[in-house]
């Protein structure tokens, strides 16, 4: 799958930079959208890894204590994707979500396919949630899904404070 920046030099890509300070404001504003909609979540589900930190912040802001996380892999590297998003172990036990109002949170709806897969999985079957809504910090115009709650829409390359540096390695 071609990405919009595949043929552009990395140093020329226009970036959206989310700082930790701005992240705090963003998650409060996102949570306020949920509250203002008069819809209340029983459970917040984070899409790991990128959605873990935003989901925790949104859950705190909404006063929701029940949380879960699901591991989904789609992007395997910059501009590298699998054919289809796949759930990775450990798998979330969604059997207790039946009849609940579930808010799915992720950092970005880029292609939207990961978010779409998670929403579909929670909305189907004998243990289907009563209601599933989605919230993201960023929404890209090319996404196949428009989340229910969005802090900012952009087509820029997004730099998140939790993933803007390479993983740490043992000190020499």
C-alpha atoms as a PDB file:
ATOM      1  CA  UNK A   1       0.000   0.000   0.000  1.00  0.00           C
ATOM      2  CA  UNK A   2       1.561   3.275  -1.056  1.00  0.00           C
ATOM      3  CA  UNK A   3       1.734   5.965   1.570  1.00  0.00           C
ATOM      4  CA  UNK A   4       1.303   9.653   0.683  1.00  0.00           C
ATOM      5  CA  UNK A   5       4.923  10.472   1.531  1.00  0.00           C
ATOM      6  CA  UNK A   6       6.663   7.537  -0.192  1.00  0.00           C
ATOM      7  CA  UNK A   7       8.196   9.692  -2.911  1.00  0.00           C
ATOM      8  CA  UNK A   8       9.056  12.709  -0.713  1.00  0.00           C
ATOM      9  CA  UNK A   9      12.359  13.365   1.035  1.00  0.00           C
ATOM     10  CA  UNK A  10      11.777  12.924   4.814  1.00  0.00           C
ATOM     11  CA  UNK A  11      13.177  16.354   5.674  1.00  0.00           C
ATOM     12  CA  UNK A  12      10.595  18.055   3.428  1.00  0.00           C
ATOM     13  CA  UNK A  13       7.508  16.399   4.931  1.00  0.00           C
ATOM     14  CA  UNK A  14       5.255  18.817   6.753  1.00  0.00           C
ATOM     15  CA  UNK A  15       4.759  17.539  10.285  1.00  0.00           C
ATOM     16  CA  UNK A  16       2.126  17.814  12.966  1.00  0.00           C
ATOM     17  CA  UNK A  17       4.025  17.720  16.260  1.00  0.00           C
ATOM     18  CA  UNK A  18       2.139  16.751  19.394  1.00  0.00           C
ATOM     19  CA  UNK A  19       3.971  17.765  22.565  1.00  0.00           C
ATOM     20  CA  UNK A  20       3.227  16.320  25.994  1.00  0.00           C
ATOM     21  CA  UNK A  21       1.676  19.634  27.048  1.00  0.00           C
ATOM     22  CA  UNK A  22      -0.517  19.781  23.965  1.00  0.00           C
ATOM     23  CA  UNK A  23      -1.403  16.106  24.466  1.00  0.00           C
ATOM     24  CA  UNK A  24      -2.955  16.963  27.833  1.00  0.00           C
ATOM     25  CA  UNK A  25      -5.129  19.633  26.237  1.00  0.00           C
ATOM     26  CA  UNK A  26      -6.010  17.360  23.314  1.00  0.00           C
ATOM     27  CA  UNK A  27      -7.222  14.470  25.467  1.00  0.00           C
ATOM     28  CA  UNK A  28      -9.279  16.790  27.701  1.00  0.00           C
ATOM     29  CA  UNK A  29     -10.874  18.366  24.624  1.00  0.00           C
ATOM     30  CA  UNK A  30     -11.550  14.921  23.134  1.00  0.00           C
ATOM     31  CA  UNK A  31     -13.145  13.756  26.394  1.00  0.00           C
ATOM     32  CA  UNK A  32     -15.230  16.945  26.472  1.00  0.00           C
ATOM     33  CA  UNK A  33     -16.631  16.072  23.040  1.00  0.00           C
ATOM     34  CA  UNK A  34     -17.731  12.691  24.396  1.00  0.00           C
ATOM     35  CA  UNK A  35     -19.294  14.281  27.498  1.00  0.00           C
ATOM     36  CA  UNK A  36     -21.046  16.958  25.432  1.00  0.00           C
ATOM     37  CA  UNK A  37     -22.610  14.265  23.224  1.00  0.00           C
ATOM     38  CA  UNK A  38     -24.532  12.980  26.283  1.00  0.00           C
ATOM     39  CA  UNK A  39     -23.247   9.462  25.553  1.00  0.00           C
ATOM     40  CA  UNK A  40     -21.537   7.700  28.448  1.00  0.00           C
ATOM     41  CA  UNK A  41     -19.033   4.908  28.075  1.00  0.00           C
ATOM     42  CA  UNK A  42     -19.067   1.949  30.444  1.00  0.00           C
ATOM     43  CA  UNK A  43     -15.677   0.779  29.186  1.00  0.00           C
ATOM     44  CA  UNK A  44     -12.789   2.401  27.320  1.00  0.00           C
ATOM     45  CA  UNK A  45     -10.885   0.096  24.963  1.00  0.00           C
ATOM     46  CA  UNK A  46      -7.404   1.149  23.862  1.00  0.00           C
ATOM     47  CA  UNK A  47      -5.940   0.045  20.557  1.00  0.00           C
ATOM     48  CA  UNK A  48      -2.364  -0.893  21.397  1.00  0.00           C
ATOM     49  CA  UNK A  49       0.156   0.479  21.104  1.00  0.00           C
ATOM     50  CA  UNK A  50      -0.550   4.003  19.941  1.00  0.00           C
ATOM     51  CA  UNK A  51      -3.933   4.247  21.639  1.00  0.00           C
ATOM     52  CA  UNK A  52      -2.793   3.139  25.092  1.00  0.00           C
ATOM     53  CA  UNK A  53      -1.717   6.532  26.384  1.00  0.00           C
ATOM     54  CA  UNK A  54      -4.603   8.529  24.845  1.00  0.00           C
ATOM     55  CA  UNK A  55      -7.145   5.942  26.084  1.00  0.00           C
ATOM     56  CA  UNK A  56      -5.883   6.179  29.652  1.00  0.00           C
ATOM     57  CA  UNK A  57      -6.024   9.967  29.594  1.00  0.00           C
ATOM     58  CA  UNK A  58      -9.523  10.025  28.070  1.00  0.00           C
ATOM     59  CA  UNK A  59     -10.779   7.406  30.551  1.00  0.00           C
ATOM     60  CA  UNK A  60      -9.482   9.494  33.472  1.00  0.00           C
ATOM     61  CA  UNK A  61     -11.042  12.652  32.037  1.00  0.00           C
ATOM     62  CA  UNK A  62     -14.405  10.896  31.643  1.00  0.00           C
ATOM     63  CA  UNK A  63     -14.226   9.211  35.046  1.00  0.00           C
ATOM     64  CA  UNK A  64     -14.408   5.746  33.459  1.00  0.00           C
ATOM     65  CA  UNK A  65     -12.521   3.145  35.499  1.00  0.00           C
ATOM     66  CA  UNK A  66     -13.166   0.067  33.349  1.00  0.00           C
ATOM     67  CA  UNK A  67     -10.559  -0.303  30.622  1.00  0.00           C
ATOM     68  CA  UNK A  68      -9.333  -2.942  28.219  1.00  0.00           C
ATOM     69  CA  UNK A  69      -6.765  -3.074  25.450  1.00  0.00           C
ATOM     70  CA  UNK A  70      -6.560  -4.906  22.176  1.00  0.00           C
ATOM     71  CA  UNK A  71      -3.373  -5.505  20.223  1.00  0.00           C
ATOM     72  CA  UNK A  72      -3.685  -4.934  16.498  1.00  0.00           C
ATOM     73  CA  UNK A  73      -0.899  -4.895  13.951  1.00  0.00           C
ATOM     74  CA  UNK A  74      -1.288  -3.222  10.588  1.00  0.00           C
ATOM     75  CA  UNK A  75       1.697  -0.934  10.137  1.00  0.00           C
ATOM     76  CA  UNK A  76       4.926  -2.924  10.286  1.00  0.00           C
ATOM     77  CA  UNK A  77       7.180   0.066   9.611  1.00  0.00           C
ATOM     78  CA  UNK A  78       7.094   3.493   8.033  1.00  0.00           C
ATOM     79  CA  UNK A  79       5.033   3.078   4.887  1.00  0.00           C
ATOM     80  CA  UNK A  80       4.875  -0.707   5.372  1.00  0.00           C
ATOM     81  CA  UNK A  81       1.539  -2.372   6.031  1.00  0.00           C
ATOM     82  CA  UNK A  82       0.080  -5.853   6.149  1.00  0.00           C
ATOM     83  CA  UNK A  83      -2.667  -6.790   3.710  1.00  0.00           C
ATOM     84  CA  UNK A  84      -5.197  -6.652   6.534  1.00  0.00           C
ATOM     85  CA  UNK A  85      -4.999  -5.615  10.224  1.00  0.00           C
ATOM     86  CA  UNK A  86      -4.573  -8.624  12.528  1.00  0.00           C
ATOM     87  CA  UNK A  87      -5.224  -9.113  16.240  1.00  0.00           C
ATOM     88  CA  UNK A  88      -2.112 -10.122  18.160  1.00  0.00           C
ATOM     89  CA  UNK A  89      -1.905 -12.105  21.389  1.00  0.00           C
ATOM     90  CA  UNK A  90      -2.642 -11.677  24.147  1.00  0.00           C
ATOM     91  CA  UNK A  91      -6.190 -11.352  22.879  1.00  0.00           C
ATOM     92  CA  UNK A  92      -8.656  -9.191  24.765  1.00  0.00           C
ATOM     93  CA  UNK A  93     -11.472 -11.128  26.437  1.00  0.00           C
ATOM     94  CA  UNK A  94     -14.442  -9.258  25.034  1.00  0.00           C
ATOM     95  CA  UNK A  95     -17.037 -11.597  26.562  1.00  0.00           C
ATOM     96  CA  UNK A  96     -17.620  -9.169  29.446  1.00  0.00           C
ATOM     97  CA  UNK A  97     -18.374  -6.296  27.055  1.00  0.00           C
ATOM     98  CA  UNK A  98     -21.753  -7.661  25.977  1.00  0.00           C
ATOM     99  CA  UNK A  99     -24.463  -5.056  26.496  1.00  0.00           C
ATOM    100  CA  UNK A 100     -21.934  -2.361  27.470  1.00  0.00           C
ATOM    101  CA  UNK A 101     -21.297   1.040  25.911  1.00  0.00           C
ATOM    102  CA  UNK A 102     -17.720   0.875  24.641  1.00  0.00           C
ATOM    103  CA  UNK A 103     -15.496   3.777  23.630  1.00  0.00           C
ATOM    104  CA  UNK A 104     -12.617   2.664  21.398  1.00  0.00           C
ATOM    105  CA  UNK A 105      -9.649   5.045  21.541  1.00  0.00           C
ATOM    106  CA  UNK A 106      -6.639   5.250  19.242  1.00  0.00           C
ATOM    107  CA  UNK A 107      -4.008   7.864  18.483  1.00  0.00           C
ATOM    108  CA  UNK A 108      -4.840   8.244  14.789  1.00  0.00           C
ATOM    109  CA  UNK A 109      -7.282   6.986  12.172  1.00  0.00           C
ATOM    110  CA  UNK A 110      -4.794   6.944   9.302  1.00  0.00           C
ATOM    111  CA  UNK A 111      -6.156   4.351   6.899  1.00  0.00           C
ATOM    112  CA  UNK A 112      -8.931   3.723   9.438  1.00  0.00           C
ATOM    113  CA  UNK A 113      -8.782   0.001   8.806  1.00  0.00           C
ATOM    114  CA  UNK A 114      -7.509  -0.903  12.282  1.00  0.00           C
ATOM    115  CA  UNK A 115     -10.210   1.152  13.984  1.00  0.00           C
ATOM    116  CA  UNK A 116     -12.842  -0.308  11.675  1.00  0.00           C
ATOM    117  CA  UNK A 117     -11.722  -3.879  12.468  1.00  0.00           C
ATOM    118  CA  UNK A 118     -11.876  -3.299  16.226  1.00  0.00           C
ATOM    119  CA  UNK A 119     -15.301  -1.650  16.060  1.00  0.00           C
ATOM    120  CA  UNK A 120     -16.652  -4.506  13.937  1.00  0.00           C
ATOM    121  CA  UNK A 121     -15.249  -7.129  16.317  1.00  0.00           C
ATOM    122  CA  UNK A 122     -16.925  -5.465  19.322  1.00  0.00           C
ATOM    123  CA  UNK A 123     -20.243  -4.961  17.515  1.00  0.00           C
ATOM    124  CA  UNK A 124     -20.766  -8.548  16.343  1.00  0.00           C
ATOM    125  CA  UNK A 125     -21.458 -11.934  17.878  1.00  0.00           C
ATOM    126  CA  UNK A 126     -23.185 -13.148  21.017  1.00  0.00           C
ATOM    127  CA  UNK A 127     -21.128 -10.876  23.312  1.00  0.00           C
ATOM    128  CA  UNK A 128     -21.625  -7.748  21.205  1.00  0.00           C
ATOM    129  CA  UNK A 129     -21.431  -4.409  22.943  1.00  0.00           C
ATOM    130  CA  UNK A 130     -24.697  -2.478  23.155  1.00  0.00           C
ATOM    131  CA  UNK A 131     -23.040   0.557  21.615  1.00  0.00           C
ATOM    132  CA  UNK A 132     -19.555   1.210  20.234  1.00  0.00           C
ATOM    133  CA  UNK A 133     -18.156   4.655  19.537  1.00  0.00           C
ATOM    134  CA  UNK A 134     -14.679   5.745  18.563  1.00  0.00           C
ATOM    135  CA  UNK A 135     -12.395   8.592  19.548  1.00  0.00           C
ATOM    136  CA  UNK A 136      -9.027   9.533  18.072  1.00  0.00           C
ATOM    137  CA  UNK A 137      -6.600  12.378  18.506  1.00  0.00           C
ATOM    138  CA  UNK A 138      -6.049  12.628  14.751  1.00  0.00           C
ATOM    139  CA  UNK A 139      -8.115  11.728  11.707  1.00  0.00           C
ATOM    140  CA  UNK A 140      -6.642  11.589   8.214  1.00  0.00           C
ATOM    141  CA  UNK A 141      -8.937  12.486   5.294  1.00  0.00           C
ATOM    142  CA  UNK A 142      -8.101   9.200   3.525  1.00  0.00           C
ATOM    143  CA  UNK A 143      -9.420   7.092   6.432  1.00  0.00           C
ATOM    144  CA  UNK A 144     -12.131   4.570   5.524  1.00  0.00           C
ATOM    145  CA  UNK A 145     -13.920   5.514   8.729  1.00  0.00           C
ATOM    146  CA  UNK A 146     -14.781   8.825  10.341  1.00  0.00           C
ATOM    147  CA  UNK A 147     -14.498   8.393  14.115  1.00  0.00           C
ATOM    148  CA  UNK A 148     -17.309   9.671  16.324  1.00  0.00           C
ATOM    149  CA  UNK A 149     -14.954  12.002  18.172  1.00  0.00           C
ATOM    150  CA  UNK A 150     -11.875  13.653  16.647  1.00  0.00           C
ATOM    151  CA  UNK A 151      -9.542  16.198  18.177  1.00  0.00           C
ATOM    152  CA  UNK A 152      -7.892  17.271  14.913  1.00  0.00           C
ATOM    153  CA  UNK A 153      -8.062  16.342  11.237  1.00  0.00           C
ATOM    154  CA  UNK A 154      -4.816  16.572   9.300  1.00  0.00           C
ATOM    155  CA  UNK A 155      -3.020  15.132   6.320  1.00  0.00           C
ATOM    156  CA  UNK A 156       0.389  15.874   7.865  1.00  0.00           C
ATOM    157  CA  UNK A 157       2.880  13.334   9.175  1.00  0.00           C
ATOM    158  CA  UNK A 158       2.187  13.123  12.937  1.00  0.00           C
ATOM    159  CA  UNK A 159       4.927  12.976  15.531  1.00  0.00           C
ATOM    160  CA  UNK A 160       3.688  11.716  18.899  1.00  0.00           C
ATOM    161  CA  UNK A 161       5.690  12.397  22.078  1.00  0.00           C
ATOM    162  CA  UNK A 162       5.689   8.693  23.018  1.00  0.00           C
ATOM    163  CA  UNK A 163       7.066   7.497  19.690  1.00  0.00           C
ATOM    164  CA  UNK A 164       9.281  10.286  18.376  1.00  0.00           C
ATOM    165  CA  UNK A 165      12.496   8.582  19.475  1.00  0.00           C
ATOM    166  CA  UNK A 166      13.845   5.101  18.716  1.00  0.00           C
ATOM    167  CA  UNK A 167      13.559   2.365  21.356  1.00  0.00           C
ATOM    168  CA  UNK A 168      16.195   2.413  24.063  1.00  0.00           C
ATOM    169  CA  UNK A 169      18.979  -0.150  23.966  1.00  0.00           C
ATOM    170  CA  UNK A 170      21.364  -1.380  26.666  1.00  0.00           C
ATOM    171  CA  UNK A 171      24.077   1.107  27.570  1.00  0.00           C
ATOM    172  CA  UNK A 172      27.587   0.164  26.506  1.00  0.00           C
END
